[in-house]
Amino acid sequence: MNELEYPLKTQLYNEYFPELEELLLEYHNKKTKITVGNRLNLSADGSRLKSLCLGVRGPFFLAIRKDKTLNPHLTKHTQTEKGHEIYKLIYTIIGMVFPDFQFNSIIVNFNSNFLIHKDSKNVNTDSVMFTVGYHEGGGLHLYNDEKELIETKYIDKYPIRFSGKTTYHSTEEFTGTRYCIVAYQTAPKYHYDPFEKEVYSL
């Protein structure tokens, strides 16, 4: 993000990130348990992780379609008015920073502290990650194949692209309120454009 021109940085910091934080806080407050992630083994204290799954429905997150009229390819939260607004804003931010990045799913982890792991079930190697919310710490620890810490990326309102599928990573300890946004390519071969509101087959 250091290479971004100053006007774009200013626009992201002053407009997009505050709006996203406000939307996430509002949605989270309305739905105390937004969605429950299935990666219990990655939670440091064994608690259930609260995650908001947006975009194309992946094979590893259950989003039960109670209303049979909903689009079967999209997560149920993407099909709510506020969830769609959140997805569209994140989609815009990532497109501004990494216009060539291909993804069809987004997960937002709330106050989650992930232990060292690889996102081995992702289709593409790269992921994009950043955080919003008032917190201290909460960077992205990166490790070599021997699980030795080699670098910590600070991702507070600072989107980065990294090899989540092939690189061991974990969450730096943090205090405060932290929403961690991760965009990646999931197995189903569909892409959703929130502006056109269309699902495309890849």
Protein backbone atom coordinates (compact mmCIF):
# COMPACT_ATOMS: atom_id res chain seq x y z
CA MET A 1 0.00 0.00 0.00
CA ASN A 2 3.03 2.30 0.25
CA GLU A 3 2.93 2.65 -3.54
CA LEU A 4 -0.62 4.04 -3.56
CA GLU A 5 -0.97 7.67 -4.48
CA TYR A 6 -1.78 10.05 -1.65
CA PRO A 7 -5.35 10.92 -2.84
CA LEU A 8 -6.29 7.23 -2.84
CA LYS A 9 -4.86 6.67 0.64
CA THR A 10 -6.76 9.70 1.89
CA GLN A 11 -10.00 8.47 0.35
CA LEU A 12 -9.60 5.02 1.89
CA TYR A 13 -8.75 6.32 5.37
CA ASN A 14 -11.30 9.12 5.51
CA GLU A 15 -14.26 7.54 3.72
CA TYR A 16 -14.16 3.81 3.10
CA PHE A 17 -12.65 2.40 6.30
CA PRO A 18 -14.82 4.45 8.73
CA GLU A 19 -17.93 3.50 6.75
CA LEU A 20 -17.00 -0.19 6.81
CA GLU A 21 -16.34 -0.12 10.55
CA GLU A 22 -19.70 1.53 11.16
CA LEU A 23 -21.54 -1.04 9.03
CA LEU A 24 -19.82 -3.98 10.74
CA LEU A 25 -20.54 -2.63 14.23
CA GLU A 26 -24.19 -2.12 13.33
CA TYR A 27 -24.56 -5.57 11.79
CA HIS A 28 -22.74 -7.26 14.65
CA ASN A 29 -24.87 -5.51 17.26
CA LYS A 30 -28.04 -6.60 15.49
CA LYS A 31 -26.84 -10.20 15.17
CA THR A 32 -24.80 -11.05 18.26
CA LYS A 33 -23.80 -14.35 16.70
CA ILE A 34 -23.38 -13.31 13.10
CA THR A 35 -22.32 -16.76 11.95
CA VAL A 36 -20.30 -19.38 13.76
CA GLY A 37 -17.07 -20.45 12.09
CA ASN A 38 -16.14 -24.12 12.07
CA ARG A 39 -12.45 -23.76 12.94
CA LEU A 40 -12.66 -24.46 16.65
CA ASN A 41 -9.14 -25.91 16.65
CA LEU A 42 -7.75 -22.49 15.68
CA SER A 43 -9.24 -20.63 18.62
CA ALA A 44 -6.66 -20.02 21.36
CA ASP A 45 -9.17 -20.44 24.20
CA GLY A 46 -11.37 -23.06 22.54
CA SER A 47 -14.30 -20.68 22.15
CA ARG A 48 -16.46 -20.66 19.04
CA LEU A 49 -15.31 -18.09 16.53
CA LYS A 50 -17.83 -15.54 15.31
CA SER A 51 -17.44 -14.96 11.60
CA LEU A 52 -19.42 -13.19 8.92
CA CYS A 53 -19.28 -15.15 5.65
CA LEU A 54 -20.03 -13.15 2.51
CA GLY A 55 -19.95 -13.81 -1.22
CA VAL A 56 -20.14 -17.23 -2.85
CA ARG A 57 -21.14 -20.04 -0.52
CA GLY A 58 -18.13 -22.25 0.13
CA PRO A 59 -18.19 -25.96 0.94
CA PHE A 60 -16.75 -25.47 4.44
CA PHE A 61 -19.32 -23.06 5.93
CA LEU A 62 -22.90 -24.06 6.52
CA ALA A 63 -25.41 -21.39 5.49
CA ILE A 64 -28.75 -23.17 5.69
CA ARG A 65 -31.16 -21.82 3.11
CA LYS A 66 -34.47 -21.69 5.00
CA ASP A 67 -36.06 -19.43 2.39
CA LYS A 68 -36.03 -21.49 -0.81
CA THR A 69 -36.29 -18.34 -2.93
CA LEU A 70 -32.79 -17.18 -1.95
CA ASN A 71 -29.91 -17.59 -4.37
CA PRO A 72 -28.36 -21.01 -3.60
CA HIS A 73 -24.88 -19.83 -4.65
CA LEU A 74 -24.59 -17.01 -2.09
CA THR A 75 -24.30 -17.00 1.68
CA LYS A 76 -27.46 -15.97 3.49
CA HIS A 77 -25.79 -12.83 4.86
CA THR A 78 -24.85 -11.65 1.37
CA GLN A 79 -28.55 -11.70 0.58
CA THR A 80 -29.57 -9.36 3.40
CA GLU A 81 -29.64 -5.63 2.66
CA LYS A 82 -26.93 -4.75 5.19
CA GLY A 83 -24.78 -7.80 4.45
CA HIS A 84 -24.84 -6.98 0.76
CA GLU A 85 -23.83 -3.39 1.56
CA ILE A 86 -20.86 -4.65 3.59
CA TYR A 87 -19.81 -7.04 0.83
CA LYS A 88 -20.04 -4.32 -1.82
CA LEU A 89 -17.91 -1.92 0.25
CA ILE A 90 -15.20 -4.53 0.93
CA TYR A 91 -15.33 -5.53 -2.75
CA THR A 92 -14.73 -1.86 -3.65
CA ILE A 93 -11.82 -1.40 -1.22
CA ILE A 94 -10.01 -4.50 -2.45
CA GLY A 95 -10.61 -3.50 -6.07
CA MET A 96 -9.05 -0.10 -5.42
CA VAL A 97 -5.92 -1.53 -3.80
CA PHE A 98 -5.48 -4.82 -5.70
CA PRO A 99 -7.43 -4.49 -8.97
CA ASP A 100 -6.03 -7.76 -10.37
CA PHE A 101 -6.83 -9.88 -7.29
CA GLN A 102 -9.33 -12.67 -7.97
CA PHE A 103 -11.66 -13.73 -5.13
CA ASN A 104 -15.23 -14.81 -4.59
CA SER A 105 -15.52 -15.09 -0.80
CA ILE A 106 -14.95 -12.86 2.20
CA ILE A 107 -14.86 -13.82 5.85
CA VAL A 108 -14.94 -11.25 8.66
CA ASN A 109 -13.62 -12.55 11.97
CA PHE A 110 -14.64 -10.63 15.09
CA ASN A 111 -12.11 -10.51 17.95
CA SER A 112 -10.67 -13.86 16.87
CA ASN A 113 -7.13 -14.95 17.67
CA PHE A 114 -6.07 -17.63 15.19
CA LEU A 115 -3.24 -19.98 16.03
CA ILE A 116 -0.57 -20.87 13.46
CA HIS A 117 -2.07 -22.48 10.34
CA LYS A 118 -2.28 -22.44 6.54
CA ASP A 119 -5.47 -21.85 4.55
CA SER A 120 -4.85 -25.07 2.68
CA LYS A 121 -8.42 -25.44 1.39
CA ASN A 122 -8.34 -22.14 -0.52
CA VAL A 123 -8.26 -22.53 -4.29
CA ASN A 124 -5.78 -19.74 -5.11
CA THR A 125 -2.52 -19.15 -3.29
CA ASP A 126 -3.08 -15.53 -2.34
CA SER A 127 -5.46 -13.90 0.12
CA VAL A 128 -6.03 -10.25 0.98
CA MET A 129 -6.35 -9.25 4.63
CA PHE A 130 -6.91 -6.10 6.68
CA THR A 131 -8.55 -5.06 9.94
CA VAL A 132 -10.84 -2.29 11.13
CA GLY A 133 -11.97 -1.32 14.62
CA TYR A 134 -10.13 0.36 17.48
CA HIS A 135 -7.48 -2.10 18.65
CA GLU A 136 -3.80 -2.33 19.51
CA GLY A 137 -1.73 -5.19 18.12
CA GLY A 138 -3.55 -7.76 16.02
CA GLY A 139 -1.01 -7.88 13.21
CA LEU A 140 -0.44 -10.84 10.92
CA HIS A 141 2.43 -13.12 12.01
CA LEU A 142 4.12 -14.91 9.09
CA TYR A 143 6.29 -18.02 9.55
CA ASN A 144 8.65 -20.17 7.51
CA ASP A 145 7.98 -23.87 6.91
CA GLU A 146 9.69 -24.69 10.21
CA LYS A 147 7.06 -22.50 11.93
CA GLU A 148 9.63 -19.91 12.92
CA LEU A 149 8.34 -16.34 13.02
CA ILE A 150 9.91 -14.31 10.21
CA GLU A 151 7.75 -11.19 9.97
CA THR A 152 4.72 -9.37 11.37
CA LYS A 153 2.56 -7.38 8.98
CA TYR A 154 0.50 -4.56 10.46
CA ILE A 155 -2.86 -4.65 8.73
CA ASP A 156 -4.95 -2.06 10.57
CA LYS A 157 -6.66 -0.24 7.65
CA TYR A 158 -3.73 -1.48 5.58
CA PRO A 159 -4.74 -4.22 3.12
CA ILE A 160 -2.01 -6.71 2.27
CA ARG A 161 -1.85 -9.58 -0.18
CA PHE A 162 -0.06 -12.71 1.03
CA SER A 163 0.19 -16.43 0.31
CA GLY A 164 -2.34 -17.68 2.86
CA LYS A 165 -2.62 -21.11 1.26
CA THR A 166 1.10 -21.92 1.43
CA THR A 167 2.42 -19.71 4.26
CA TYR A 168 1.98 -20.45 7.96
CA HIS A 169 0.36 -17.46 9.69
CA SER A 170 -1.34 -16.52 12.93
CA THR A 171 -2.79 -13.54 14.79
CA GLU A 172 -0.63 -11.25 16.91
CA GLU A 173 -2.11 -10.70 20.37
CA PHE A 174 -4.33 -7.64 20.56
CA THR A 175 -6.62 -5.60 22.78
CA GLY A 176 -9.74 -3.73 21.75
CA THR A 177 -12.31 -4.31 19.03
CA ARG A 178 -10.97 -6.00 15.91
CA TYR A 179 -12.76 -7.01 12.72
CA CYS A 180 -10.41 -8.93 10.44
CA ILE A 181 -11.44 -9.07 6.79
CA VAL A 182 -10.03 -11.88 4.62
CA ALA A 183 -10.81 -12.25 0.91
CA TYR A 184 -9.98 -15.47 -0.95
CA GLN A 185 -11.07 -17.83 -3.72
CA THR A 186 -13.26 -20.67 -2.54
CA ALA A 187 -13.87 -23.97 -4.33
CA PRO A 188 -17.23 -23.34 -6.08
CA LYS A 189 -16.52 -21.89 -9.53
CA TYR A 190 -18.73 -18.84 -9.25
CA HIS A 191 -18.10 -15.12 -8.91
CA TYR A 192 -20.58 -12.58 -7.58
CA ASP A 193 -20.55 -8.97 -8.75
CA PRO A 194 -22.39 -6.95 -6.06
CA PHE A 195 -22.83 -3.97 -8.36
CA GLU A 196 -24.52 -5.95 -11.11
CA LYS A 197 -26.06 -8.36 -8.57
CA GLU A 198 -25.18 -11.24 -10.83
CA VAL A 199 -23.56 -14.62 -10.19
CA TYR A 200 -21.17 -15.65 -12.94
CA SER A 201 -19.77 -19.10 -13.67
CA LEU A 202 -15.98 -19.00 -13.89
